[in-house]
Amino acid sequence: MPQMAPINWLTLFIIFSISFMIF
């Protein structure tokens, strides 16, 4: 689980960026 923590952060940032771009 702890190893997926950094990946989750990156995914969150990417999703936010894409969401902002779509908006």
PDB file of N, CA and C in Angstrom:
ATOM      1  N   MET A   1       0.836  -1.218   0.000  1.00  0.00           N
ATOM      2  CA  MET A   1       0.000   0.000   0.000  1.00  0.00           C
ATOM      3  C   MET A   1       0.871   1.269   0.000  1.00  0.00           C
ATOM      4  N   PRO A   2       1.909   1.295   0.852  1.00  0.00           N
ATOM      5  CA  PRO A   2       2.759   2.493   0.936  1.00  0.00           C
ATOM      6  C   PRO A   2       3.472   2.791  -0.384  1.00  0.00           C
ATOM      7  N   GLN A   3       3.780   1.722  -1.132  1.00  0.00           N
ATOM      8  CA  GLN A   3       4.481   1.933  -2.407  1.00  0.00           C
ATOM      9  C   GLN A   3       3.538   2.591  -3.427  1.00  0.00           C
ATOM     10  N   MET A   4       2.242   2.371  -3.272  1.00  0.00           N
ATOM     11  CA  MET A   4       1.269   2.942  -4.213  1.00  0.00           C
ATOM     12  C   MET A   4       0.942   4.388  -3.847  1.00  0.00           C
ATOM     13  N   ALA A   5       1.383   4.818  -2.670  1.00  0.00           N
ATOM     14  CA  ALA A   5       1.085   6.185  -2.220  1.00  0.00           C
ATOM     15  C   ALA A   5       1.629   7.221  -3.218  1.00  0.00           C
ATOM     16  N   PRO A   6       2.916   7.151  -3.575  1.00  0.00           N
ATOM     17  CA  PRO A   6       3.480   8.127  -4.513  1.00  0.00           C
ATOM     18  C   PRO A   6       2.789   8.063  -5.868  1.00  0.00           C
ATOM     19  N   ILE A   7       2.446   6.863  -6.302  1.00  0.00           N
ATOM     20  CA  ILE A   7       1.778   6.709  -7.596  1.00  0.00           C
ATOM     21  C   ILE A   7       0.401   7.376  -7.538  1.00  0.00           C
ATOM     22  N   ASN A   8      -0.279   7.211  -6.406  1.00  0.00           N
ATOM     23  CA  ASN A   8      -1.611   7.807  -6.260  1.00  0.00           C
ATOM     24  C   ASN A   8      -1.513   9.331  -6.364  1.00  0.00           C
ATOM     25  N   TRP A   9      -0.490   9.906  -5.731  1.00  0.00           N
ATOM     26  CA  TRP A   9      -0.306  11.356  -5.778  1.00  0.00           C
ATOM     27  C   TRP A   9      -0.129  11.821  -7.219  1.00  0.00           C
ATOM     28  N   LEU A  10       0.706  11.095  -7.949  1.00  0.00           N
ATOM     29  CA  LEU A  10       0.968  11.473  -9.340  1.00  0.00           C
ATOM     30  C   LEU A  10      -0.321  11.371 -10.157  1.00  0.00           C
ATOM     31  N   THR A  11      -1.062  10.277  -9.942  1.00  0.00           N
ATOM     32  CA  THR A  11      -2.324  10.083 -10.662  1.00  0.00           C
ATOM     33  C   THR A  11      -3.284  11.221 -10.359  1.00  0.00           C
ATOM     34  N   LEU A  12      -3.336  11.609  -9.084  1.00  0.00           N
ATOM     35  CA  LEU A  12      -4.245  12.701  -8.695  1.00  0.00           C
ATOM     36  C   LEU A  12      -3.872  13.973  -9.445  1.00  0.00           C
ATOM     37  N   PHE A  13      -2.584  14.264  -9.520  1.00  0.00           N
ATOM     38  CA  PHE A  13      -2.115  15.472 -10.208  1.00  0.00           C
ATOM     39  C   PHE A  13      -2.477  15.412 -11.695  1.00  0.00           C
ATOM     40  N   ILE A  14      -2.276  14.243 -12.295  1.00  0.00           N
ATOM     41  CA  ILE A  14      -2.581  14.082 -13.719  1.00  0.00           C
ATOM     42  C   ILE A  14      -4.078  14.265 -13.957  1.00  0.00           C
ATOM     43  N   ILE A  15      -4.886  13.635 -13.115  1.00  0.00           N
ATOM     44  CA  ILE A  15      -6.344  13.740 -13.275  1.00  0.00           C
ATOM     45  C   ILE A  15      -6.763  15.202 -13.149  1.00  0.00           C
ATOM     46  N   PHE A  16      -6.171  15.900 -12.166  1.00  0.00           N
ATOM     47  CA  PHE A  16      -6.521  17.311 -11.957  1.00  0.00           C
ATOM     48  C   PHE A  16      -6.150  18.128 -13.194  1.00  0.00           C
ATOM     49  N   SER A  17      -4.985  17.852 -13.737  1.00  0.00           N
ATOM     50  CA  SER A  17      -4.516  18.588 -14.915  1.00  0.00           C
ATOM     51  C   SER A  17      -5.447  18.341 -16.103  1.00  0.00           C
ATOM     52  N   ILE A  18      -5.807  17.083 -16.309  1.00  0.00           N
ATOM     53  CA  ILE A  18      -6.694  16.736 -17.424  1.00  0.00           C
ATOM     54  C   ILE A  18      -8.065  17.384 -17.226  1.00  0.00           C
ATOM     55  N   SER A  19      -8.561  17.305 -15.996  1.00  0.00           N
ATOM     56  CA  SER A  19      -9.883  17.885 -15.697  1.00  0.00           C
ATOM     57  C   SER A  19      -9.861  19.386 -15.989  1.00  0.00           C
ATOM     58  N   PHE A  20      -8.786  20.044 -15.580  1.00  0.00           N
ATOM     59  CA  PHE A  20      -8.676  21.488 -15.806  1.00  0.00           C
ATOM     60  C   PHE A  20      -8.600  21.771 -17.313  1.00  0.00           C
ATOM     61  N   MET A  21      -7.868  20.935 -18.028  1.00  0.00           N
ATOM     62  CA  MET A  21      -7.722  21.119 -19.480  1.00  0.00           C
ATOM     63  C   MET A  21      -9.068  20.948 -20.171  1.00  0.00           C
ATOM     64  N   ILE A  22      -9.827  19.942 -19.747  1.00  0.00           N
ATOM     65  CA  ILE A  22     -11.142  19.684 -20.350  1.00  0.00           C
ATOM     66  C   ILE A  22     -12.076  20.861 -20.067  1.00  0.00           C
ATOM     67  N   PHE A  23     -11.936  21.416 -18.856  1.00  0.00           N
ATOM     68  CA  PHE A  23     -12.815  22.517 -18.486  1.00  0.00           C
ATOM     69  C   PHE A  23     -12.490  23.731 -19.377  1.00  0.00           C
TER      70      PHE A  23
END
